Protein backbone atom coordinates (compact mmCIF):
# COMPACT_ATOMS: atom_id res chain seq x y z
CA UNK A 1 127.87 107.06 94.10
CA UNK A 2 127.69 103.09 95.01
CA UNK A 3 124.79 101.26 95.25
CA UNK A 4 124.61 99.98 98.96
CA UNK A 5 121.62 97.56 99.40
CA UNK A 6 121.48 97.35 103.14
CA UNK A 7 121.72 101.42 103.49
CA UNK A 8 118.64 101.17 101.16
CA UNK A 9 116.75 98.32 103.22
CA UNK A 10 117.55 100.52 106.37
CA UNK A 11 116.36 104.03 104.77
CA UNK A 12 113.13 102.49 103.40
CA UNK A 13 112.44 100.76 106.47
CA UNK A 14 112.79 104.28 108.36
CA UNK A 15 111.07 105.81 105.58
CA UNK A 16 113.87 108.13 105.10
CA UNK A 17 113.51 108.35 101.30
CA UNK A 18 111.75 110.98 100.21
CA UNK A 19 109.98 109.94 96.59
CA UNK A 20 111.73 112.49 94.57
CA UNK A 21 115.22 110.71 95.54
CA UNK A 22 113.86 107.26 94.80
CA UNK A 23 114.77 107.60 90.82
CA UNK A 24 118.36 108.43 91.50
CA UNK A 25 118.13 104.94 93.97
CA UNK A 26 116.65 102.86 91.00
CA UNK A 27 119.44 104.53 88.51
CA UNK A 28 122.39 103.82 90.92
CA UNK A 29 120.62 100.03 91.13
CA UNK A 30 120.71 99.77 87.63
CA UNK A 31 124.31 100.68 87.12
CA UNK A 32 125.31 98.03 90.10
CA UNK A 33 123.51 95.55 87.90
CA UNK A 34 120.23 94.88 89.23
CA UNK A 35 117.43 94.84 86.50
CA UNK A 36 113.91 94.72 86.30
CA UNK A 37 110.55 96.38 84.75
CA UNK A 38 109.77 98.28 88.11
CA UNK A 39 113.66 99.38 88.81
CA UNK A 40 113.46 100.99 85.21
CA UNK A 41 110.11 102.23 85.69
CA UNK A 42 111.29 104.06 89.01
CA UNK A 43 114.55 105.16 87.24
CA UNK A 44 112.77 106.92 84.40
CA UNK A 45 110.58 108.82 86.87
CA UNK A 46 111.52 112.56 86.59
CA UNK A 47 110.47 115.17 89.76
CA UNK A 48 107.88 112.17 91.21
CA UNK A 49 105.45 112.86 93.54
CA UNK A 50 104.66 110.00 96.24
CA UNK A 51 101.98 108.75 94.20
CA UNK A 52 104.25 108.09 91.61
CA UNK A 53 106.89 106.40 93.28
CA UNK A 54 104.45 104.05 95.75
CA UNK A 55 102.80 102.56 92.85
CA UNK A 56 105.87 100.75 91.56
CA UNK A 57 107.67 100.49 94.96
CA UNK A 58 106.44 96.92 96.10
CA UNK A 59 107.51 95.64 92.56
CA UNK A 60 111.07 97.65 92.85
CA UNK A 61 111.99 96.22 95.98
CA UNK A 62 110.98 92.89 95.36
CA UNK A 63 113.43 92.98 91.91
CA UNK A 64 116.49 94.12 94.35
CA UNK A 65 115.53 91.02 96.70
CA UNK A 66 113.56 92.79 99.22
CA UNK A 67 111.09 91.40 101.06
CA UNK A 68 108.16 93.36 102.60
CA UNK A 69 106.49 91.95 105.59
CA UNK A 70 104.01 94.45 105.84
CA UNK A 71 102.75 97.37 104.73
CA UNK A 72 101.45 100.08 106.60
CA UNK A 73 100.34 103.46 104.97
CA UNK A 74 101.37 106.60 106.64
CA UNK A 75 100.95 109.81 105.85
CA UNK A 76 103.57 109.48 103.35
CA UNK A 77 101.89 106.08 102.17
CA UNK A 78 105.35 104.03 102.42
CA UNK A 79 105.97 100.51 103.71
CA UNK A 80 106.68 100.43 107.11
CA UNK A 81 108.55 97.08 107.17
CA UNK A 82 110.95 95.84 104.74
CA UNK A 83 113.19 92.67 105.72
CA UNK A 84 115.62 90.25 103.90
CA UNK A 85 117.76 90.93 101.21
CA UNK A 86 119.21 88.48 98.53
């Protein structure tokens, strides 16, 4: 699967990515040439909970070049708004 940063940006801002899918997103980012400790941390998670993915999520997004405008935690505790890209 190819890595589409714009699609990821939209899915994150719409809270459409379940925690268990984030490791494969991170693996795709690594294959696309993105690198960083948070991307690697996300990529190695196995069957993660929301808490496990939320810990590295802000740094993960920053390493991808996405900027978090504000963090508003809902029941799923995901960032509400993600803006910008590389």
